[in-house]
């Protein structure tokens, strides 16, 4: 029966994610698996290579996490700079996520429909914190995360073969650098304050 469902999904071009009945698999892994199937099937082929698809999946996952954590910071943050930074995360990453979704659709790239397991764990861990403990943990996590993001987007802007995703990475990079600069200042201030 599962083979028939999979065949119908593949034949109609419907994403494997929509047909996956396991429900337990990480959404990032599902997107990667779907893209792998597409890369092997000429009738469903993506318009990009594996590196570009993997970058898009990771960028989407990270963007969803930034928005979710930004909303959490607006709710739970104590320091006004933390709340303001959370608001900036929601605004900027929502815009980047929307651009990426549109680009992925045009290239037949499957993106995760929810945060992956690791991103969800970060969210769950932060959700348990309160007060200044929340502020410090959130800002520290955002600094570490944005260092990784800046590095990943810089590499993508230099190395991706797909011109559109390369441009997306290049155009998003200054915003990520602005986030990193802001969160570094906030982190130093919070460490000096408490």
C-alpha atoms as a PDB file:
ATOM      1  CA  UNK A   1       0.000   0.000   0.000  1.00  0.00           C
ATOM      2  CA  UNK A   2       2.791   2.459   0.903  1.00  0.00           C
ATOM      3  CA  UNK A   3       4.426   1.823  -2.485  1.00  0.00           C
ATOM      4  CA  UNK A   4       1.175   2.709  -4.232  1.00  0.00           C
ATOM      5  CA  UNK A   5       0.786   5.917  -2.196  1.00  0.00           C
ATOM      6  CA  UNK A   6       4.412   6.845  -2.922  1.00  0.00           C
ATOM      7  CA  UNK A   7       3.945   6.136  -6.630  1.00  0.00           C
ATOM      8  CA  UNK A   8       0.825   8.312  -6.733  1.00  0.00           C
ATOM      9  CA  UNK A   9       2.649  11.106  -4.922  1.00  0.00           C
ATOM     10  CA  UNK A  10       5.610  10.932  -7.276  1.00  0.00           C
ATOM     11  CA  UNK A  11       3.419  10.698 -10.345  1.00  0.00           C
ATOM     12  CA  UNK A  12       1.409  13.754  -9.402  1.00  0.00           C
ATOM     13  CA  UNK A  13       4.428  15.767  -8.334  1.00  0.00           C
ATOM     14  CA  UNK A  14       3.194  16.091  -4.772  1.00  0.00           C
ATOM     15  CA  UNK A  15       5.938  16.473  -2.221  1.00  0.00           C
ATOM     16  CA  UNK A  16       6.998  13.350  -0.371  1.00  0.00           C
ATOM     17  CA  UNK A  17       6.528  15.291   2.845  1.00  0.00           C
ATOM     18  CA  UNK A  18       2.802  15.507   2.253  1.00  0.00           C
ATOM     19  CA  UNK A  19       2.643  11.773   1.707  1.00  0.00           C
ATOM     20  CA  UNK A  20       4.937  10.685   4.500  1.00  0.00           C
ATOM     21  CA  UNK A  21       2.762   9.049   7.092  1.00  0.00           C
ATOM     22  CA  UNK A  22       5.489   8.459   9.671  1.00  0.00           C
ATOM     23  CA  UNK A  23       4.818  11.804  11.371  1.00  0.00           C
ATOM     24  CA  UNK A  24       7.855  11.256  13.598  1.00  0.00           C
ATOM     25  CA  UNK A  25      10.534  12.207  11.137  1.00  0.00           C
ATOM     26  CA  UNK A  26      12.257  15.562  11.527  1.00  0.00           C
ATOM     27  CA  UNK A  27      10.833  18.128   9.090  1.00  0.00           C
ATOM     28  CA  UNK A  28      14.333  19.102   7.912  1.00  0.00           C
ATOM     29  CA  UNK A  29      15.160  15.461   7.191  1.00  0.00           C
ATOM     30  CA  UNK A  30      11.844  15.084   5.353  1.00  0.00           C
ATOM     31  CA  UNK A  31      12.635  18.078   3.148  1.00  0.00           C
ATOM     32  CA  UNK A  32      16.128  16.752   2.424  1.00  0.00           C
ATOM     33  CA  UNK A  33      14.710  13.313   1.586  1.00  0.00           C
ATOM     34  CA  UNK A  34      12.098  14.840  -0.712  1.00  0.00           C
ATOM     35  CA  UNK A  35      14.768  16.870  -2.501  1.00  0.00           C
ATOM     36  CA  UNK A  36      16.929  13.750  -2.857  1.00  0.00           C
ATOM     37  CA  UNK A  37      14.015  11.918  -4.526  1.00  0.00           C
ATOM     38  CA  UNK A  38      13.489  14.877  -6.854  1.00  0.00           C
ATOM     39  CA  UNK A  39      17.146  14.938  -7.836  1.00  0.00           C
ATOM     40  CA  UNK A  40      16.917  11.295  -8.909  1.00  0.00           C
ATOM     41  CA  UNK A  41      13.620  11.662 -10.788  1.00  0.00           C
ATOM     42  CA  UNK A  42      13.845  13.615 -14.046  1.00  0.00           C
ATOM     43  CA  UNK A  43      10.118  14.411 -14.151  1.00  0.00           C
ATOM     44  CA  UNK A  44      10.309  16.088 -10.721  1.00  0.00           C
ATOM     45  CA  UNK A  45      13.835  17.455 -10.956  1.00  0.00           C
ATOM     46  CA  UNK A  46      14.787  20.516  -8.988  1.00  0.00           C
ATOM     47  CA  UNK A  47      16.306  23.400 -10.863  1.00  0.00           C
ATOM     48  CA  UNK A  48      19.279  23.393  -8.469  1.00  0.00           C
ATOM     49  CA  UNK A  49      22.021  21.049  -7.255  1.00  0.00           C
ATOM     50  CA  UNK A  50      22.159  19.336  -3.847  1.00  0.00           C
ATOM     51  CA  UNK A  51      24.309  22.038  -2.225  1.00  0.00           C
ATOM     52  CA  UNK A  52      21.828  24.755  -3.164  1.00  0.00           C
ATOM     53  CA  UNK A  53      18.853  22.679  -1.978  1.00  0.00           C
ATOM     54  CA  UNK A  54      20.608  21.869   1.317  1.00  0.00           C
ATOM     55  CA  UNK A  55      21.407  25.553   1.844  1.00  0.00           C
ATOM     56  CA  UNK A  56      17.761  26.488   1.231  1.00  0.00           C
ATOM     57  CA  UNK A  57      16.522  23.820   3.674  1.00  0.00           C
ATOM     58  CA  UNK A  58      18.926  24.930   6.404  1.00  0.00           C
ATOM     59  CA  UNK A  59      18.190  28.622   5.810  1.00  0.00           C
ATOM     60  CA  UNK A  60      14.451  27.954   6.047  1.00  0.00           C
ATOM     61  CA  UNK A  61      14.856  25.965   9.258  1.00  0.00           C
ATOM     62  CA  UNK A  62      17.040  28.650  10.796  1.00  0.00           C
ATOM     63  CA  UNK A  63      14.676  31.389   9.679  1.00  0.00           C
ATOM     64  CA  UNK A  64      11.688  29.662  11.261  1.00  0.00           C
ATOM     65  CA  UNK A  65      13.633  29.270  14.499  1.00  0.00           C
ATOM     66  CA  UNK A  66      14.635  32.957  14.490  1.00  0.00           C
ATOM     67  CA  UNK A  67      10.999  34.025  14.097  1.00  0.00           C
ATOM     68  CA  UNK A  68       9.723  31.651  16.795  1.00  0.00           C
ATOM     69  CA  UNK A  69      12.461  32.651  19.241  1.00  0.00           C
ATOM     70  CA  UNK A  70      11.958  36.328  18.404  1.00  0.00           C
ATOM     71  CA  UNK A  71       8.283  36.035  19.339  1.00  0.00           C
ATOM     72  CA  UNK A  72       9.291  34.262  22.538  1.00  0.00           C
ATOM     73  CA  UNK A  73      11.746  37.081  23.343  1.00  0.00           C
ATOM     74  CA  UNK A  74       8.999  39.652  22.862  1.00  0.00           C
ATOM     75  CA  UNK A  75       6.822  37.745  25.349  1.00  0.00           C
ATOM     76  CA  UNK A  76       9.371  36.620  27.937  1.00  0.00           C
ATOM     77  CA  UNK A  77      12.187  39.130  27.647  1.00  0.00           C
ATOM     78  CA  UNK A  78      12.788  41.434  30.605  1.00  0.00           C
ATOM     79  CA  UNK A  79      15.364  43.802  29.124  1.00  0.00           C
ATOM     80  CA  UNK A  80      13.898  46.210  26.560  1.00  0.00           C
ATOM     81  CA  UNK A  81      16.889  45.571  24.246  1.00  0.00           C
ATOM     82  CA  UNK A  82      16.080  41.850  24.270  1.00  0.00           C
ATOM     83  CA  UNK A  83      12.436  42.529  23.400  1.00  0.00           C
ATOM     84  CA  UNK A  84      13.476  44.958  20.663  1.00  0.00           C
ATOM     85  CA  UNK A  85      15.969  42.474  19.248  1.00  0.00           C
ATOM     86  CA  UNK A  86      13.241  39.804  19.238  1.00  0.00           C
ATOM     87  CA  UNK A  87      10.984  42.161  17.290  1.00  0.00           C
ATOM     88  CA  UNK A  88      13.755  42.761  14.741  1.00  0.00           C
ATOM     89  CA  UNK A  89      14.211  38.990  14.376  1.00  0.00           C
ATOM     90  CA  UNK A  90      10.511  38.477  13.644  1.00  0.00           C
ATOM     91  CA  UNK A  91      10.379  41.302  11.109  1.00  0.00           C
ATOM     92  CA  UNK A  92      13.623  40.608   9.260  1.00  0.00           C
ATOM     93  CA  UNK A  93      13.471  36.813   9.250  1.00  0.00           C
ATOM     94  CA  UNK A  94       9.810  36.742   8.223  1.00  0.00           C
ATOM     95  CA  UNK A  95      10.733  38.846   5.182  1.00  0.00           C
ATOM     96  CA  UNK A  96      13.731  36.617   4.363  1.00  0.00           C
ATOM     97  CA  UNK A  97      11.637  33.470   4.882  1.00  0.00           C
ATOM     98  CA  UNK A  98       8.998  34.751   2.459  1.00  0.00           C
ATOM     99  CA  UNK A  99      11.639  35.482  -0.203  1.00  0.00           C
ATOM    100  CA  UNK A 100      13.165  32.054   0.292  1.00  0.00           C
ATOM    101  CA  UNK A 101       9.789  30.279   0.064  1.00  0.00           C
ATOM    102  CA  UNK A 102       9.043  32.004  -3.226  1.00  0.00           C
ATOM    103  CA  UNK A 103      12.479  31.197  -4.590  1.00  0.00           C
ATOM    104  CA  UNK A 104      12.247  27.558  -3.457  1.00  0.00           C
ATOM    105  CA  UNK A 105       8.856  27.174  -5.104  1.00  0.00           C
ATOM    106  CA  UNK A 106      10.217  28.457  -8.406  1.00  0.00           C
ATOM    107  CA  UNK A 107      13.087  25.949  -8.210  1.00  0.00           C
ATOM    108  CA  UNK A 108      10.952  22.990  -7.024  1.00  0.00           C
ATOM    109  CA  UNK A 109      12.866  22.775  -3.718  1.00  0.00           C
ATOM    110  CA  UNK A 110      10.965  21.285  -0.792  1.00  0.00           C
ATOM    111  CA  UNK A 111      11.481  23.291   2.389  1.00  0.00           C
ATOM    112  CA  UNK A 112      10.645  22.091   5.898  1.00  0.00           C
ATOM    113  CA  UNK A 113       7.136  23.012   6.998  1.00  0.00           C
ATOM    114  CA  UNK A 114       8.143  23.394  10.655  1.00  0.00           C
ATOM    115  CA  UNK A 115      11.278  23.747  12.740  1.00  0.00           C
ATOM    116  CA  UNK A 116      13.562  20.735  12.776  1.00  0.00           C
ATOM    117  CA  UNK A 117      14.325  18.722  15.893  1.00  0.00           C
ATOM    118  CA  UNK A 118      17.406  20.735  16.914  1.00  0.00           C
ATOM    119  CA  UNK A 119      15.694  24.090  16.422  1.00  0.00           C
ATOM    120  CA  UNK A 120      12.666  22.841  18.358  1.00  0.00           C
ATOM    121  CA  UNK A 121      14.946  21.761  21.219  1.00  0.00           C
ATOM    122  CA  UNK A 122      16.462  25.263  21.383  1.00  0.00           C
ATOM    123  CA  UNK A 123      12.956  26.715  21.505  1.00  0.00           C
ATOM    124  CA  UNK A 124      11.806  24.289  24.212  1.00  0.00           C
ATOM    125  CA  UNK A 125      14.918  24.951  26.317  1.00  0.00           C
ATOM    126  CA  UNK A 126      14.433  28.722  26.132  1.00  0.00           C
ATOM    127  CA  UNK A 127      10.718  28.476  26.815  1.00  0.00           C
ATOM    128  CA  UNK A 128      11.524  27.003  30.256  1.00  0.00           C
ATOM    129  CA  UNK A 129      13.629  30.017  31.256  1.00  0.00           C
ATOM    130  CA  UNK A 130      12.326  33.213  32.830  1.00  0.00           C
ATOM    131  CA  UNK A 131      13.518  36.697  33.709  1.00  0.00           C
ATOM    132  CA  UNK A 132      17.151  37.632  33.274  1.00  0.00           C
ATOM    133  CA  UNK A 133      18.044  33.942  32.810  1.00  0.00           C
ATOM    134  CA  UNK A 134      15.886  33.977  29.689  1.00  0.00           C
ATOM    135  CA  UNK A 135      17.457  37.202  28.426  1.00  0.00           C
ATOM    136  CA  UNK A 136      21.022  35.921  28.867  1.00  0.00           C
ATOM    137  CA  UNK A 137      20.304  32.502  27.346  1.00  0.00           C
ATOM    138  CA  UNK A 138      18.398  33.961  24.367  1.00  0.00           C
ATOM    139  CA  UNK A 139      21.002  36.608  23.559  1.00  0.00           C
ATOM    140  CA  UNK A 140      23.880  34.155  23.962  1.00  0.00           C
ATOM    141  CA  UNK A 141      22.135  31.680  21.670  1.00  0.00           C
ATOM    142  CA  UNK A 142      21.401  34.401  19.098  1.00  0.00           C
ATOM    143  CA  UNK A 143      25.039  35.510  19.080  1.00  0.00           C
ATOM    144  CA  UNK A 144      26.277  31.952  18.511  1.00  0.00           C
ATOM    145  CA  UNK A 145      23.582  31.294  15.916  1.00  0.00           C
ATOM    146  CA  UNK A 146      24.276  34.472  13.960  1.00  0.00           C
ATOM    147  CA  UNK A 147      28.011  33.765  13.862  1.00  0.00           C
ATOM    148  CA  UNK A 148      27.151  30.448  12.179  1.00  0.00           C
ATOM    149  CA  UNK A 149      24.559  32.114   9.908  1.00  0.00           C
ATOM    150  CA  UNK A 150      26.952  34.817   8.718  1.00  0.00           C
ATOM    151  CA  UNK A 151      29.547  32.153   7.927  1.00  0.00           C
ATOM    152  CA  UNK A 152      27.041  29.911   6.097  1.00  0.00           C
ATOM    153  CA  UNK A 153      25.554  32.776   4.064  1.00  0.00           C
ATOM    154  CA  UNK A 154      29.014  34.123   3.201  1.00  0.00           C
ATOM    155  CA  UNK A 155      30.048  30.703   1.886  1.00  0.00           C
ATOM    156  CA  UNK A 156      26.764  30.357  -0.012  1.00  0.00           C
ATOM    157  CA  UNK A 157      27.150  33.815  -1.556  1.00  0.00           C
ATOM    158  CA  UNK A 158      30.571  32.795  -2.830  1.00  0.00           C
ATOM    159  CA  UNK A 159      30.158  29.120  -3.677  1.00  0.00           C
ATOM    160  CA  UNK A 160      26.592  28.257  -4.715  1.00  0.00           C
ATOM    161  CA  UNK A 161      26.161  27.452  -8.393  1.00  0.00           C
ATOM    162  CA  UNK A 162      22.547  28.645  -8.552  1.00  0.00           C
ATOM    163  CA  UNK A 163      22.615  32.380  -9.294  1.00  0.00           C
ATOM    164  CA  UNK A 164      19.270  33.134  -7.612  1.00  0.00           C
ATOM    165  CA  UNK A 165      20.115  31.425  -4.320  1.00  0.00           C
ATOM    166  CA  UNK A 166      23.590  32.942  -4.450  1.00  0.00           C
ATOM    167  CA  UNK A 167      21.975  36.378  -4.799  1.00  0.00           C
ATOM    168  CA  UNK A 168      19.552  35.592  -1.952  1.00  0.00           C
ATOM    169  CA  UNK A 169      22.518  34.705   0.282  1.00  0.00           C
ATOM    170  CA  UNK A 170      24.404  37.866  -0.759  1.00  0.00           C
ATOM    171  CA  UNK A 171      21.404  40.125  -0.208  1.00  0.00           C
ATOM    172  CA  UNK A 172      20.551  38.556   3.166  1.00  0.00           C
ATOM    173  CA  UNK A 173      24.120  38.637   4.482  1.00  0.00           C
ATOM    174  CA  UNK A 174      24.186  42.357   5.476  1.00  0.00           C
ATOM    175  CA  UNK A 175      21.016  41.880   7.553  1.00  0.00           C
ATOM    176  CA  UNK A 176      22.536  38.878   9.319  1.00  0.00           C
ATOM    177  CA  UNK A 177      25.715  40.860   9.983  1.00  0.00           C
ATOM    178  CA  UNK A 178      23.601  43.696  11.424  1.00  0.00           C
ATOM    179  CA  UNK A 179      21.896  41.144  13.695  1.00  0.00           C
ATOM    180  CA  UNK A 180      25.255  39.767  14.817  1.00  0.00           C
ATOM    181  CA  UNK A 181      26.614  43.239  15.537  1.00  0.00           C
ATOM    182  CA  UNK A 182      23.490  44.148  17.531  1.00  0.00           C
ATOM    183  CA  UNK A 183      23.333  40.956  19.540  1.00  0.00           C
ATOM    184  CA  UNK A 184      27.060  41.153  20.370  1.00  0.00           C
ATOM    185  CA  UNK A 185      26.547  44.615  21.894  1.00  0.00           C
ATOM    186  CA  UNK A 186      23.475  43.441  23.828  1.00  0.00           C
ATOM    187  CA  UNK A 187      25.302  40.348  25.086  1.00  0.00           C
ATOM    188  CA  UNK A 188      28.221  42.441  26.381  1.00  0.00           C
ATOM    189  CA  UNK A 189      25.798  44.828  28.110  1.00  0.00           C
ATOM    190  CA  UNK A 190      23.889  41.986  29.753  1.00  0.00           C
ATOM    191  CA  UNK A 191      27.087  40.313  30.974  1.00  0.00           C
ATOM    192  CA  UNK A 192      28.212  43.612  32.500  1.00  0.00           C
ATOM    193  CA  UNK A 193      24.808  44.304  34.055  1.00  0.00           C
ATOM    194  CA  UNK A 194      24.190  41.041  35.913  1.00  0.00           C
END
